[in-house]
């Protein structure tokens, strides 16, 4: 689930999907052993021009739209910003779960929990395992991260135009200000910054997720639950547990 917009979301989703596919086969295993990989990208902001809040990809042969190929790789992009603007269907299970995941509209969330016992159970489990203090701490960390990022974007726009390629890479890694610098700098500076900024953003995301995972491990929460909430792999969580 992506709370803030970053460029190249499609490429990021493709990269993660490709890793899941390539890691499936062991030595000497045939390609027929590959299992389908379905990537669901939940975005807090809208990145596509169409009105629907759920977009499903489909790979077809050019000129043969009815013939679908590459069926074992599928992407779903869910844009919560569009979802909030659409009329809520309390009978639709997908809408119910999105109300719970989004959490912006308390009335929708309440209706969803009344209509769907699984959502009510998930909410009770989440509140029991995390507690109000932990939820508040996570919310504060999220708010701080977003505030720092937005501040970095503005700083990057104001100062990026005067910076050279080397300065752009340095500031990009340090502050994660890709969007602001991208607008403020000339094409030559952007080329030098691209890799550095991406690394800075990924490092910042991973650090925040690892902090949350460490706090959850201290509460002896289930590793599968921690993985679902943070997006970290079980192997990464186990390494944190040993450290």
Foldseek 3Di string as FASTA:
>chain_A
DEEDDDPPPVVVQVVVQVVVQVPPDDPPDDSVPTAADEEEAEYQADDDDDLDQKDKDFDDDVVCVVHTPPVSYIYIYGHVVSLVVDDQDLQDLVSLVSCLVVVPDVVSVVSSVVNDVVSVVVVVVVCVLQPPVNVVVLVVVVVVLVVQQVVLLCVLQVPLCVDAQVVLLVSLLVRLNLNNNVNRHDPRSNVSNVVSNVNNVVVVLVVSLLVSLLVSVVSVDDLVVSCVVSVDDSVVSVVSVVD
